[in-house]
Amino acid sequence: MDGYERERSGLMAQIAAVAAETARATGLRAFDARVMAAMGTVPRHEFVLPADRPFAWSNQPLPIRFSQTISQPFIVALMTQLLALDPEDHVLEVGTGCGYQTAVLATLARHVYSIELEPELAASAAARLERLGYHNVDIRTGDGAKGWPETSPFDAVIVTACAREVPPALVAQLRPGGRLVLPLTTPTGQELMLIEKGRDDGDLETKPNDLPLTVRSVLRVAFVPLRQQREDDALLN
C-alpha cells in the first residue's frame, strides 16, 4: 500500500463520471476494465513534482519541467482507450514528458517506444520508469514528428502535444489497421483526433502509404504545442 488508496479510488470514480458526461461526443460511456486497471495501478504520485504530490491523484493536469505538463488523467485514459491496445502491440509515443502516459501504455502493450525532444526530460523519465519496473520501454531524444522508423511499423501511435498538422512520418509508420491518436489544431480550436489506417486487402499493387485513412474528431481539448527540432539544432547533434 502506498498511502493513496482513497485518492486513487476517488480518481477512478471521477474518470468514470467524466466518461459518462462526455459520451455524446466520444461515443464511449465507459472505458475498458484493462484501461481503468492501468490508470489505477500506475503510481501517478511518482511522476509529479514533489510540491504537487498532494494533488497527484486529482483529475487535473499538473506542471512538470520545461513548460510541459503531466496530462489530466481522464484525457490519458481516453487517449489510451482510443488506441484499443492488445497485449502484443508495439506502440510509439511522441512526447515522453515525465513518463506517466508511457507507464500506462507499458502496462497494456508489449513494448513502448517513446521520443522526447528535451534530453533532461527523456533521461529522467527513463530512470523513473526503470526504477518503477517498467522494463518494456525504450526512450530516446529526438524530433517525435519524424517517428522511429527503424522500429516501425507500430500497432498504435500516440502524440501527447498538439500538432498543427498530422505528421506524415507517423502515418507512414502505422501498420495497416493501426490507430493514431493526437490533438490537432483546427480552425475552431484543439480537437482530439482518432485516425485509423485501412487494412491490407492483399492487393500486391497497394502500398502501405496508399491505404485509406478514417479520421474522426473525438473531443475538444487543450494541450501544450508539439515542438519539433529545428534544422540548425539537428545539424549540431
Protein backbone atom coordinates (compact mmCIF):
# COMPACT_ATOMS: atom_id res chain seq x y z
CA MET A 1 0.00 0.00 0.00
CA ASP A 2 1.30 3.47 -0.85
CA GLY A 3 -0.99 5.65 1.25
CA TYR A 4 -3.01 6.94 -1.71
CA GLU A 5 -5.81 4.37 -1.67
CA ARG A 6 -8.62 6.86 -1.00
CA GLU A 7 -7.30 9.34 -3.57
CA ARG A 8 -6.86 6.57 -6.15
CA SER A 9 -10.43 5.36 -5.64
CA GLY A 10 -11.74 8.90 -5.94
CA LEU A 11 -9.88 9.48 -9.20
CA MET A 12 -11.25 6.28 -10.72
CA ALA A 13 -14.76 7.46 -9.87
CA GLN A 14 -14.06 10.87 -11.43
CA ILE A 15 -12.74 9.33 -14.65
CA ALA A 16 -15.85 7.14 -14.91
CA ALA A 17 -18.11 10.14 -14.28
CA VAL A 18 -16.42 12.33 -16.93
CA ALA A 19 -16.52 9.45 -19.40
CA ALA A 20 -20.29 9.29 -18.95
CA GLU A 21 -20.63 13.07 -19.23
CA THR A 22 -18.67 13.24 -22.50
CA ALA A 23 -20.16 10.09 -24.05
CA ARG A 24 -22.22 12.01 -26.61
CA ALA A 25 -19.01 13.45 -28.08
CA THR A 26 -16.67 10.50 -27.64
CA GLY A 27 -19.10 7.63 -28.20
CA LEU A 28 -17.72 5.99 -25.05
CA ARG A 29 -19.90 5.78 -21.96
CA ALA A 30 -17.23 3.84 -20.07
CA PHE A 31 -13.65 2.72 -20.55
CA ASP A 32 -12.45 -0.88 -20.73
CA ALA A 33 -11.58 -2.62 -17.49
CA ARG A 34 -7.95 -3.04 -18.62
CA VAL A 35 -7.60 0.71 -19.19
CA MET A 36 -9.15 1.56 -15.82
CA ALA A 37 -6.95 -1.01 -14.09
CA ALA A 38 -3.87 0.56 -15.65
CA MET A 39 -4.99 4.03 -14.55
CA GLY A 40 -5.39 2.75 -11.01
CA THR A 41 -2.13 0.82 -10.98
CA VAL A 42 0.34 3.38 -12.34
CA PRO A 43 1.51 5.44 -9.32
CA ARG A 44 0.83 8.97 -10.57
CA HIS A 45 2.39 10.46 -7.43
CA GLU A 46 5.77 9.18 -8.67
CA PHE A 47 5.51 11.27 -11.85
CA VAL A 48 4.72 14.74 -10.47
CA LEU A 49 6.96 17.36 -8.92
CA PRO A 50 7.46 16.89 -5.15
CA ALA A 51 5.45 20.03 -4.34
CA ASP A 52 2.48 18.68 -6.31
CA ARG A 53 2.27 15.26 -4.66
CA PRO A 54 -0.82 16.26 -2.63
CA PHE A 55 -2.61 16.80 -5.97
CA ALA A 56 -1.15 13.80 -7.81
CA TRP A 57 -4.38 11.81 -7.78
CA SER A 58 -6.63 14.71 -8.74
CA ASN A 59 -8.21 14.75 -12.18
CA GLN A 60 -6.21 17.69 -13.46
CA PRO A 61 -3.03 18.39 -15.42
CA LEU A 62 -0.02 19.48 -13.41
CA PRO A 63 3.15 21.30 -14.45
CA ILE A 64 6.42 19.48 -14.89
CA ARG A 65 9.65 20.99 -16.19
CA PHE A 66 10.37 22.81 -19.45
CA SER A 67 6.86 24.35 -19.59
CA GLN A 68 5.36 20.87 -20.06
CA THR A 69 2.57 19.18 -18.14
CA ILE A 70 1.50 15.77 -16.91
CA SER A 71 -1.86 15.32 -18.61
CA GLN A 72 -5.25 15.16 -16.93
CA PRO A 73 -5.91 11.50 -16.01
CA PHE A 74 -9.25 11.44 -17.83
CA ILE A 75 -7.52 12.51 -21.06
CA VAL A 76 -4.79 9.90 -20.53
CA ALA A 77 -7.49 7.25 -20.09
CA LEU A 78 -9.45 8.48 -23.11
CA MET A 79 -6.44 8.53 -25.43
CA THR A 80 -5.38 5.11 -24.21
CA GLN A 81 -8.88 3.74 -24.74
CA LEU A 82 -8.96 5.09 -28.30
CA LEU A 83 -5.76 3.21 -29.12
CA ALA A 84 -7.59 -0.10 -28.40
CA LEU A 85 -4.36 -1.80 -27.34
CA ASP A 86 -3.78 -5.55 -27.31
CA PRO A 87 -1.17 -7.14 -25.03
CA GLU A 88 1.09 -7.94 -28.00
CA ASP A 89 1.01 -4.43 -29.51
CA HIS A 90 4.03 -2.23 -30.17
CA VAL A 91 3.30 1.44 -29.51
CA LEU A 92 5.02 4.67 -30.48
CA GLU A 93 4.60 7.64 -28.13
CA VAL A 94 5.59 11.13 -29.21
CA GLY A 95 6.28 13.29 -26.16
CA THR A 96 7.52 11.26 -23.19
CA GLY A 97 7.38 14.14 -20.71
CA CYS A 98 7.58 12.73 -17.19
CA GLY A 99 6.71 9.21 -18.40
CA TYR A 100 3.21 8.91 -16.93
CA GLN A 101 1.38 8.15 -20.18
CA THR A 102 4.32 5.92 -21.11
CA ALA A 103 3.77 3.84 -17.98
CA VAL A 104 0.06 3.45 -18.71
CA LEU A 105 0.86 2.26 -22.24
CA ALA A 106 3.56 -0.09 -20.96
CA THR A 107 1.03 -1.69 -18.62
CA LEU A 108 -1.21 -2.58 -21.56
CA ALA A 109 1.13 -3.24 -24.52
CA ARG A 110 4.08 -5.48 -25.26
CA HIS A 111 6.54 -2.64 -25.90
CA VAL A 112 6.52 1.15 -25.96
CA TYR A 113 8.93 3.30 -27.96
CA SER A 114 8.83 6.89 -26.72
CA ILE A 115 10.50 10.01 -28.10
CA GLU A 116 11.15 13.22 -26.15
CA LEU A 117 12.63 16.43 -27.52
CA GLU A 118 14.12 17.59 -24.18
CA PRO A 119 17.17 15.46 -23.23
CA GLU A 120 16.75 16.06 -19.50
CA LEU A 121 13.11 15.01 -19.54
CA ALA A 122 13.96 11.91 -21.57
CA ALA A 123 16.74 10.91 -19.17
CA SER A 124 14.69 11.47 -16.02
CA ALA A 125 11.66 9.63 -17.44
CA ALA A 126 13.82 6.68 -18.46
CA ALA A 127 15.36 6.46 -14.99
CA ARG A 128 11.97 6.79 -13.29
CA LEU A 129 10.34 4.10 -15.43
CA GLU A 130 13.27 1.74 -14.86
CA ARG A 131 13.09 2.32 -11.10
CA LEU A 132 9.36 1.61 -11.09
CA GLY A 133 9.78 -1.63 -13.01
CA TYR A 134 8.56 -0.66 -16.49
CA HIS A 135 11.17 -2.57 -18.47
CA ASN A 136 9.27 -2.84 -21.77
CA VAL A 137 10.04 0.77 -22.71
CA ASP A 138 12.69 2.37 -24.91
CA ILE A 139 13.13 6.14 -24.78
CA ARG A 140 15.25 8.34 -26.99
CA THR A 141 15.75 12.04 -27.53
CA GLY A 142 14.69 13.48 -30.86
CA ASP A 143 12.02 15.01 -33.04
CA GLY A 144 8.93 12.92 -32.44
CA ALA A 145 7.24 14.11 -35.62
CA LYS A 146 9.80 12.03 -37.53
CA GLY A 147 8.83 8.90 -35.63
CA TRP A 148 11.11 5.93 -35.04
CA PRO A 149 11.36 4.33 -38.49
CA GLU A 150 13.77 1.51 -37.64
CA THR A 151 11.28 0.01 -35.15
CA SER A 152 8.17 0.53 -37.28
CA PRO A 153 5.51 -0.36 -38.21
CA PHE A 154 3.58 0.30 -35.00
CA ASP A 155 0.22 -1.06 -33.97
CA ALA A 156 -0.61 2.29 -32.39
CA VAL A 157 0.82 5.81 -32.26
CA ILE A 158 0.00 8.47 -29.67
CA VAL A 159 1.06 12.14 -29.67
CA THR A 160 0.86 13.93 -26.31
CA ALA A 161 1.18 17.51 -27.59
CA CYS A 162 -0.90 19.48 -30.07
CA ALA A 163 0.25 19.38 -33.69
CA ARG A 164 -0.65 21.89 -36.39
CA GLU A 165 -0.95 19.08 -38.91
CA VAL A 166 -0.73 15.30 -38.85
CA PRO A 167 2.97 14.36 -39.18
CA PRO A 168 3.23 12.26 -42.39
CA ALA A 169 6.00 10.09 -40.92
CA LEU A 170 3.73 8.92 -38.13
CA VAL A 171 1.04 7.85 -40.58
CA ALA A 172 3.64 6.06 -42.72
CA GLN A 173 4.95 4.16 -39.67
CA LEU A 174 1.49 2.96 -38.65
CA ARG A 175 0.71 -0.60 -39.66
CA PRO A 176 -2.42 -1.43 -41.70
CA GLY A 177 -5.36 -1.43 -39.29
CA GLY A 178 -3.41 0.65 -36.77
CA ARG A 179 -4.61 3.72 -34.85
CA LEU A 180 -3.09 7.17 -34.37
CA VAL A 181 -4.43 9.42 -31.60
CA LEU A 182 -3.31 13.04 -31.38
CA PRO A 183 -4.55 16.53 -30.53
CA LEU A 184 -4.70 18.70 -33.63
CA THR A 185 -5.10 22.43 -34.18
CA THR A 186 -8.27 23.18 -36.15
CA PRO A 187 -9.97 26.46 -37.16
CA THR A 188 -12.19 26.17 -34.08
CA GLY A 189 -9.51 25.14 -31.57
CA GLN A 190 -7.78 21.96 -30.49
CA GLU A 191 -9.50 18.67 -31.24
CA LEU A 192 -8.51 15.19 -30.15
CA MET A 193 -8.41 13.12 -33.34
CA LEU A 194 -8.56 9.39 -33.99
CA ILE A 195 -7.00 8.31 -37.29
CA GLU A 196 -7.35 4.70 -38.40
CA LYS A 197 -5.37 3.25 -41.26
CA GLY A 198 -7.22 0.86 -43.58
CA ARG A 199 -6.36 -2.82 -43.58
CA ASP A 200 -4.37 -4.50 -46.33
CA ASP A 201 -6.78 -6.42 -48.58
CA GLY A 202 -3.99 -8.49 -50.08
CA ASP A 203 -3.69 -6.46 -53.29
CA LEU A 204 0.00 -6.58 -54.20
CA GLU A 205 -0.37 -3.26 -56.03
CA THR A 206 -1.47 -1.44 -52.88
CA LYS A 207 1.39 0.17 -50.93
CA PRO A 208 1.05 0.80 -47.16
CA ASN A 209 1.07 4.57 -47.66
CA ASP A 210 -1.81 4.28 -50.13
CA LEU A 211 -4.19 2.68 -47.64
CA PRO A 212 -7.23 4.83 -46.82
CA LEU A 213 -7.43 6.78 -43.57
CA THR A 214 -10.52 7.26 -41.42
CA VAL A 215 -10.37 10.47 -39.38
CA ARG A 216 -12.71 11.29 -36.51
CA SER A 217 -12.81 14.24 -34.14
CA VAL A 218 -13.41 12.97 -30.62
CA LEU A 219 -13.35 15.87 -28.15
CA ARG A 220 -12.27 19.48 -27.67
CA VAL A 221 -9.00 19.50 -25.69
CA ALA A 222 -6.18 21.76 -24.50
CA PHE A 223 -2.57 20.58 -24.90
CA VAL A 224 0.82 22.25 -24.99
CA PRO A 225 2.09 22.68 -28.58
CA LEU A 226 4.11 19.96 -30.27
CA ARG A 227 7.67 21.20 -30.56
CA GLN A 228 9.88 19.99 -33.37
CA GLN A 229 13.63 20.02 -33.76
CA ARG A 230 14.88 22.93 -35.84
CA GLU A 231 17.14 22.10 -38.73
CA ASP A 232 20.02 24.10 -37.22
CA ASP A 233 19.62 22.14 -33.96
CA ALA A 234 19.77 18.88 -35.89
CA LEU A 235 23.00 19.92 -37.57
CA LEU A 236 24.64 20.48 -34.20
CA ASN A 237 23.79 16.99 -32.92
